[in-house]
């Protein structure tokens, strides 16, 4: 039975990768068609945990928290709207050259003990920028 479940799990994973690849192709096509640029940011970028006003990182935020107040600047955030602002900011940082190293890699490299290296590579996510 577990062999069958592994086969089904592999099928689902392959299907998800295919859809992700198709979405990226469509985004690139539409962006080129409309003279826009697709920017990929790290999929683990903590977009909903960062206050878009003061850049405080709320480590205590859980998935069930739809709204939160920044303890640093007292700004109340809608989780999704806040994330969209932070994703746009990160994309613009990458375009300007100041955000080329992934945010997560920067944070992890600061947090790792001396001599310990990060081994896993994060997968990027995409969005289009333009006016």
N, C-alpha and C. Protein backbone atom coordinates (compact mmCIF):
# COMPACT_ATOMS: atom_id res chain seq x y z
N UNK A 1 0.82 -1.20 0.00
CA UNK A 1 0.00 0.00 0.00
C UNK A 1 0.86 1.26 0.00
N UNK A 2 1.95 1.26 0.76
CA UNK A 2 2.80 2.45 0.80
C UNK A 2 3.46 2.70 -0.56
N UNK A 3 3.74 1.62 -1.30
CA UNK A 3 4.33 1.78 -2.63
C UNK A 3 3.36 2.54 -3.54
N UNK A 4 2.08 2.22 -3.42
CA UNK A 4 1.06 2.91 -4.22
C UNK A 4 0.96 4.38 -3.81
N UNK A 5 0.99 4.66 -2.50
CA UNK A 5 0.92 6.03 -2.02
C UNK A 5 2.13 6.84 -2.49
N UNK A 6 3.30 6.24 -2.48
CA UNK A 6 4.50 6.93 -2.98
C UNK A 6 4.35 7.27 -4.45
N UNK A 7 3.76 6.34 -5.22
CA UNK A 7 3.54 6.57 -6.65
C UNK A 7 2.56 7.73 -6.85
N UNK A 8 1.48 7.75 -6.05
CA UNK A 8 0.50 8.83 -6.16
C UNK A 8 1.11 10.16 -5.72
N UNK A 9 1.91 10.14 -4.69
CA UNK A 9 2.57 11.35 -4.22
C UNK A 9 3.49 11.90 -5.29
N UNK A 10 4.23 11.03 -5.96
CA UNK A 10 5.11 11.46 -7.04
C UNK A 10 4.31 12.06 -8.19
N UNK A 11 3.16 11.45 -8.52
CA UNK A 11 2.30 11.98 -9.58
C UNK A 11 1.81 13.39 -9.24
N UNK A 12 1.39 13.58 -8.00
CA UNK A 12 0.90 14.90 -7.57
C UNK A 12 2.03 15.92 -7.63
N UNK A 13 3.21 15.56 -7.15
CA UNK A 13 4.36 16.47 -7.17
C UNK A 13 4.74 16.82 -8.61
N UNK A 14 4.74 15.84 -9.51
CA UNK A 14 5.06 16.10 -10.91
C UNK A 14 4.03 17.03 -11.54
N UNK A 15 2.75 16.82 -11.22
CA UNK A 15 1.68 17.67 -11.74
C UNK A 15 1.84 19.09 -11.24
N UNK A 16 2.14 19.25 -9.95
CA UNK A 16 2.33 20.59 -9.39
C UNK A 16 3.50 21.31 -10.05
N UNK A 17 4.60 20.59 -10.29
CA UNK A 17 5.75 21.20 -10.95
C UNK A 17 5.40 21.61 -12.38
N UNK A 18 4.59 20.80 -13.06
CA UNK A 18 4.17 21.13 -14.42
C UNK A 18 3.33 22.40 -14.42
N UNK A 19 2.37 22.50 -13.49
CA UNK A 19 1.53 23.70 -13.41
C UNK A 19 2.36 24.94 -13.07
N UNK A 20 3.32 24.78 -12.17
CA UNK A 20 4.18 25.90 -11.81
C UNK A 20 5.00 26.36 -13.02
N UNK A 21 5.52 25.41 -13.77
CA UNK A 21 6.29 25.73 -14.96
C UNK A 21 5.41 26.42 -16.01
N UNK A 22 4.20 25.91 -16.19
CA UNK A 22 3.27 26.51 -17.15
C UNK A 22 2.91 27.94 -16.74
N UNK A 23 2.69 28.15 -15.44
CA UNK A 23 2.38 29.49 -14.95
C UNK A 23 3.53 30.45 -15.21
N UNK A 24 4.76 30.00 -14.97
CA UNK A 24 5.93 30.84 -15.23
C UNK A 24 6.06 31.18 -16.71
N UNK A 25 5.80 30.21 -17.58
CA UNK A 25 5.86 30.47 -19.03
C UNK A 25 4.80 31.49 -19.42
N UNK A 26 3.58 31.33 -18.88
CA UNK A 26 2.51 32.28 -19.20
C UNK A 26 2.82 33.68 -18.68
N UNK A 27 3.36 33.76 -17.45
CA UNK A 27 3.73 35.07 -16.90
C UNK A 27 4.79 35.75 -17.75
N UNK A 28 5.81 34.99 -18.14
CA UNK A 28 6.87 35.55 -18.99
C UNK A 28 6.29 36.02 -20.33
N UNK A 29 5.43 35.23 -20.93
CA UNK A 29 4.82 35.58 -22.22
C UNK A 29 4.02 36.87 -22.09
N UNK A 30 3.13 36.94 -21.08
CA UNK A 30 2.29 38.12 -20.90
C UNK A 30 3.14 39.34 -20.55
N UNK A 31 4.16 39.15 -19.74
CA UNK A 31 5.04 40.27 -19.38
C UNK A 31 5.74 40.81 -20.62
N UNK A 32 6.29 39.93 -21.45
CA UNK A 32 6.95 40.36 -22.68
C UNK A 32 5.98 41.05 -23.62
N UNK A 33 4.77 40.51 -23.72
CA UNK A 33 3.74 41.07 -24.59
C UNK A 33 3.41 42.51 -24.19
N UNK A 34 3.42 42.78 -22.89
CA UNK A 34 3.04 44.09 -22.36
C UNK A 34 4.23 44.93 -21.91
N UNK A 35 5.43 44.58 -22.38
CA UNK A 35 6.66 45.31 -22.03
C UNK A 35 6.85 45.44 -20.52
N UNK A 36 6.64 44.33 -19.80
CA UNK A 36 6.82 44.28 -18.35
C UNK A 36 7.97 43.33 -18.03
N UNK A 37 8.38 43.32 -16.78
CA UNK A 37 9.46 42.46 -16.33
C UNK A 37 8.94 41.52 -15.25
N UNK A 38 9.28 40.25 -15.32
CA UNK A 38 8.94 39.29 -14.28
C UNK A 38 10.15 39.18 -13.35
N UNK A 39 9.91 39.40 -12.08
CA UNK A 39 10.97 39.33 -11.07
C UNK A 39 10.66 38.16 -10.15
N UNK A 40 11.66 37.33 -9.90
CA UNK A 40 11.47 36.18 -9.01
C UNK A 40 12.09 36.50 -7.66
N UNK A 41 11.27 36.31 -6.63
CA UNK A 41 11.78 36.48 -5.26
C UNK A 41 11.76 35.12 -4.58
N UNK A 42 12.48 35.02 -3.50
CA UNK A 42 12.59 33.77 -2.77
C UNK A 42 11.22 33.33 -2.26
N UNK A 43 10.87 32.06 -2.44
CA UNK A 43 9.55 31.58 -2.03
C UNK A 43 9.40 31.61 -0.51
N UNK A 44 10.49 31.65 0.23
CA UNK A 44 10.42 31.69 1.69
C UNK A 44 10.61 33.10 2.24
N UNK A 45 10.57 34.10 1.39
CA UNK A 45 10.63 35.49 1.84
C UNK A 45 9.45 35.74 2.78
N UNK A 46 9.68 36.22 4.01
CA UNK A 46 8.60 36.34 5.01
C UNK A 46 7.72 37.56 4.78
N UNK A 47 7.07 37.63 3.63
CA UNK A 47 6.34 38.83 3.22
C UNK A 47 5.20 39.22 4.16
N UNK A 48 4.51 38.27 4.75
CA UNK A 48 3.40 38.63 5.63
C UNK A 48 3.86 38.90 7.06
N UNK A 49 5.09 38.52 7.40
CA UNK A 49 5.60 38.71 8.76
C UNK A 49 6.34 40.03 8.93
N UNK A 50 6.65 40.72 7.83
CA UNK A 50 7.42 41.96 7.90
C UNK A 50 6.46 43.15 7.88
N UNK A 51 6.62 44.06 8.83
CA UNK A 51 5.84 45.30 8.83
C UNK A 51 6.31 46.14 7.66
N UNK A 52 5.38 46.53 6.77
CA UNK A 52 5.79 47.31 5.59
C UNK A 52 6.10 48.76 5.92
N UNK A 53 5.86 49.16 7.17
CA UNK A 53 6.14 50.54 7.58
C UNK A 53 7.54 50.66 8.19
N UNK A 54 7.86 49.77 9.17
CA UNK A 54 9.13 49.91 9.89
C UNK A 54 10.07 48.71 9.71
N UNK A 55 9.64 47.69 8.96
CA UNK A 55 10.42 46.48 8.67
C UNK A 55 10.63 45.56 9.87
N UNK A 56 9.82 45.72 10.92
CA UNK A 56 9.86 44.80 12.06
C UNK A 56 9.41 43.42 11.57
N UNK A 57 10.07 42.34 12.03
CA UNK A 57 9.69 40.98 11.66
C UNK A 57 8.95 40.34 12.83
N UNK A 58 7.68 40.01 12.59
CA UNK A 58 6.83 39.39 13.60
C UNK A 58 6.98 37.88 13.53
N UNK A 59 7.86 37.32 14.34
CA UNK A 59 8.12 35.88 14.33
C UNK A 59 6.97 35.08 14.93
N UNK A 60 6.10 35.72 15.69
CA UNK A 60 5.01 35.03 16.37
C UNK A 60 3.76 34.87 15.49
N UNK A 61 3.77 35.41 14.31
CA UNK A 61 2.60 35.37 13.43
C UNK A 61 2.35 33.94 12.96
N UNK A 62 1.10 33.49 13.05
CA UNK A 62 0.72 32.16 12.59
C UNK A 62 -0.21 32.29 11.39
N UNK A 63 -0.47 31.18 10.72
CA UNK A 63 -1.34 31.20 9.54
C UNK A 63 -2.76 31.64 9.85
N UNK A 64 -3.23 31.39 11.07
CA UNK A 64 -4.60 31.78 11.41
C UNK A 64 -4.73 33.28 11.68
N UNK A 65 -3.62 33.98 11.89
CA UNK A 65 -3.65 35.42 12.14
C UNK A 65 -3.86 36.17 10.84
N UNK A 66 -5.06 36.71 10.64
CA UNK A 66 -5.37 37.43 9.40
C UNK A 66 -5.04 38.91 9.52
N UNK A 67 -4.97 39.40 10.73
CA UNK A 67 -4.66 40.80 10.99
C UNK A 67 -3.72 40.85 12.19
N UNK A 68 -2.75 41.76 12.15
CA UNK A 68 -1.84 41.89 13.28
C UNK A 68 -1.37 43.33 13.42
N UNK A 69 -0.97 43.67 14.63
CA UNK A 69 -0.47 45.02 14.92
C UNK A 69 1.01 44.95 15.23
N UNK A 70 1.77 45.79 14.55
CA UNK A 70 3.21 45.81 14.74
C UNK A 70 3.54 46.35 16.14
N UNK A 71 4.29 45.60 16.93
CA UNK A 71 4.65 46.09 18.27
C UNK A 71 5.66 47.24 18.24
N UNK A 72 6.31 47.43 17.11
CA UNK A 72 7.32 48.48 17.01
C UNK A 72 6.71 49.84 16.66
N UNK A 73 5.80 49.86 15.66
CA UNK A 73 5.24 51.15 15.21
C UNK A 73 3.73 51.25 15.39
N UNK A 74 3.09 50.20 15.94
CA UNK A 74 1.65 50.15 16.22
C UNK A 74 0.76 50.25 14.98
N UNK A 75 1.29 49.91 13.82
CA UNK A 75 0.49 49.88 12.60
C UNK A 75 -0.27 48.55 12.55
N UNK A 76 -1.57 48.62 12.22
CA UNK A 76 -2.37 47.40 12.08
C UNK A 76 -2.32 46.97 10.63
N UNK A 77 -2.03 45.66 10.40
CA UNK A 77 -1.87 45.13 9.05
C UNK A 77 -2.89 44.05 8.74
N UNK A 78 -3.44 44.09 7.54
CA UNK A 78 -4.13 42.95 6.97
C UNK A 78 -3.02 42.07 6.39
N UNK A 79 -3.01 40.80 6.76
CA UNK A 79 -1.90 39.92 6.40
C UNK A 79 -1.62 39.90 4.90
N UNK A 80 -2.66 39.73 4.07
CA UNK A 80 -2.47 39.61 2.63
C UNK A 80 -2.05 40.93 1.98
N UNK A 81 -2.68 42.03 2.39
CA UNK A 81 -2.33 43.33 1.82
C UNK A 81 -0.90 43.70 2.20
N UNK A 82 -0.53 43.45 3.46
CA UNK A 82 0.83 43.71 3.91
C UNK A 82 1.84 42.88 3.11
N UNK A 83 1.51 41.60 2.88
CA UNK A 83 2.40 40.73 2.11
C UNK A 83 2.57 41.25 0.68
N UNK A 84 1.49 41.74 0.07
CA UNK A 84 1.59 42.24 -1.30
C UNK A 84 2.52 43.45 -1.39
N UNK A 85 2.45 44.31 -0.41
CA UNK A 85 3.34 45.49 -0.38
C UNK A 85 4.79 45.04 -0.24
N UNK A 86 5.04 44.09 0.67
CA UNK A 86 6.41 43.62 0.89
C UNK A 86 6.96 42.86 -0.31
N UNK A 87 6.11 42.10 -1.00
CA UNK A 87 6.56 41.40 -2.21
C UNK A 87 6.95 42.41 -3.29
N UNK A 88 6.14 43.44 -3.45
CA UNK A 88 6.47 44.48 -4.44
C UNK A 88 7.78 45.17 -4.07
N UNK A 89 7.95 45.52 -2.79
CA UNK A 89 9.19 46.17 -2.34
C UNK A 89 10.41 45.28 -2.62
N UNK A 90 10.29 43.98 -2.31
CA UNK A 90 11.41 43.07 -2.52
C UNK A 90 11.73 42.95 -4.01
N UNK A 91 10.69 42.87 -4.85
CA UNK A 91 10.91 42.81 -6.29
C UNK A 91 11.62 44.06 -6.80
N UNK A 92 11.20 45.22 -6.33
CA UNK A 92 11.85 46.47 -6.74
C UNK A 92 13.29 46.53 -6.23
N UNK A 93 13.53 45.99 -5.02
CA UNK A 93 14.90 45.92 -4.50
C UNK A 93 15.77 45.06 -5.41
N UNK A 94 15.22 43.95 -5.86
CA UNK A 94 15.98 43.06 -6.74
C UNK A 94 16.25 43.76 -8.07
N UNK A 95 15.25 44.45 -8.61
CA UNK A 95 15.45 45.17 -9.87
C UNK A 95 16.50 46.26 -9.75
N UNK A 96 16.54 46.92 -8.59
CA UNK A 96 17.49 48.02 -8.41
C UNK A 96 18.89 47.51 -8.08
N UNK A 97 19.00 46.21 -7.79
CA UNK A 97 20.31 45.65 -7.48
C UNK A 97 20.60 45.58 -6.00
N UNK A 98 19.72 46.13 -5.16
CA UNK A 98 19.98 46.10 -3.73
C UNK A 98 19.38 44.88 -3.05
N UNK A 99 18.62 44.08 -3.78
CA UNK A 99 18.01 42.91 -3.17
C UNK A 99 18.35 41.63 -3.90
N UNK A 100 19.55 41.55 -4.48
CA UNK A 100 19.90 40.39 -5.29
C UNK A 100 20.12 39.13 -4.47
N UNK A 101 20.65 39.26 -3.26
CA UNK A 101 20.79 38.09 -2.40
C UNK A 101 19.45 37.87 -1.71
N UNK A 102 18.98 36.63 -1.67
CA UNK A 102 17.66 36.39 -1.10
C UNK A 102 17.62 36.83 0.35
N UNK A 103 16.47 37.35 0.74
CA UNK A 103 16.27 37.85 2.08
C UNK A 103 16.50 36.75 3.11
N UNK A 104 15.99 35.56 2.81
CA UNK A 104 16.13 34.43 3.73
C UNK A 104 17.59 34.06 3.90
N UNK A 105 18.37 34.04 2.80
CA UNK A 105 19.79 33.72 2.90
C UNK A 105 20.50 34.74 3.76
N UNK A 106 20.13 36.04 3.60
CA UNK A 106 20.75 37.07 4.41
C UNK A 106 20.47 36.83 5.89
N UNK A 107 19.22 36.55 6.22
CA UNK A 107 18.84 36.33 7.62
C UNK A 107 19.50 35.08 8.18
N UNK A 108 19.51 33.99 7.39
CA UNK A 108 20.09 32.75 7.87
C UNK A 108 21.59 32.88 8.05
N UNK A 109 22.25 33.59 7.13
CA UNK A 109 23.70 33.72 7.25
C UNK A 109 24.06 34.53 8.49
N UNK A 110 23.21 35.48 8.87
CA UNK A 110 23.46 36.24 10.09
C UNK A 110 23.19 35.39 11.32
N UNK A 111 22.25 34.43 11.21
CA UNK A 111 21.85 33.65 12.37
C UNK A 111 22.68 32.39 12.56
N UNK A 112 23.38 31.93 11.54
CA UNK A 112 24.14 30.69 11.65
C UNK A 112 25.38 30.87 12.52
N UNK A 113 25.69 29.85 13.33
CA UNK A 113 26.93 29.92 14.10
C UNK A 113 28.14 29.90 13.18
N UNK A 114 29.26 30.40 13.66
CA UNK A 114 30.48 30.43 12.86
C UNK A 114 30.84 29.04 12.36
N UNK A 115 31.23 28.96 11.11
CA UNK A 115 31.67 27.71 10.52
C UNK A 115 30.56 26.83 9.99
N UNK A 116 29.30 27.15 10.30
CA UNK A 116 28.18 26.34 9.81
C UNK A 116 27.63 27.00 8.55
N UNK A 117 27.42 26.20 7.51
CA UNK A 117 26.92 26.77 6.27
C UNK A 117 25.50 26.32 6.00
N UNK A 118 24.79 27.12 5.21
CA UNK A 118 23.44 26.79 4.83
C UNK A 118 23.49 25.83 3.64
N UNK A 119 22.70 24.75 3.68
CA UNK A 119 22.79 23.75 2.62
C UNK A 119 21.61 23.77 1.66
N UNK A 120 20.41 24.11 2.12
CA UNK A 120 19.25 24.04 1.23
C UNK A 120 19.12 25.30 0.41
N UNK A 121 18.70 25.14 -0.84
CA UNK A 121 18.49 26.25 -1.77
C UNK A 121 16.99 26.50 -1.89
N UNK A 122 16.56 27.72 -1.72
CA UNK A 122 15.14 28.04 -1.79
C UNK A 122 14.68 28.19 -3.24
N UNK A 123 13.40 27.91 -3.47
CA UNK A 123 12.83 28.04 -4.80
C UNK A 123 12.23 29.43 -4.95
N UNK A 124 12.40 30.08 -6.10
CA UNK A 124 11.87 31.41 -6.29
C UNK A 124 10.37 31.41 -6.60
N UNK A 125 9.71 32.55 -6.33
CA UNK A 125 8.36 32.78 -6.80
C UNK A 125 8.41 33.98 -7.72
N UNK A 126 7.37 34.18 -8.52
CA UNK A 126 7.40 35.21 -9.55
C UNK A 126 6.29 36.23 -9.38
N UNK A 127 6.51 37.43 -9.88
CA UNK A 127 5.47 38.42 -10.05
C UNK A 127 5.93 39.40 -11.12
N UNK A 128 4.97 40.11 -11.72
CA UNK A 128 5.28 41.06 -12.79
C UNK A 128 5.31 42.47 -12.24
N UNK A 129 6.22 43.28 -12.74
CA UNK A 129 6.37 44.67 -12.33
C UNK A 129 6.21 45.55 -13.55
N UNK A 130 5.52 46.63 -13.39
CA UNK A 130 5.39 47.57 -14.50
C UNK A 130 4.18 48.45 -14.31
N UNK A 131 4.10 49.48 -15.10
CA UNK A 131 2.99 50.40 -14.90
C UNK A 131 2.20 50.60 -16.07
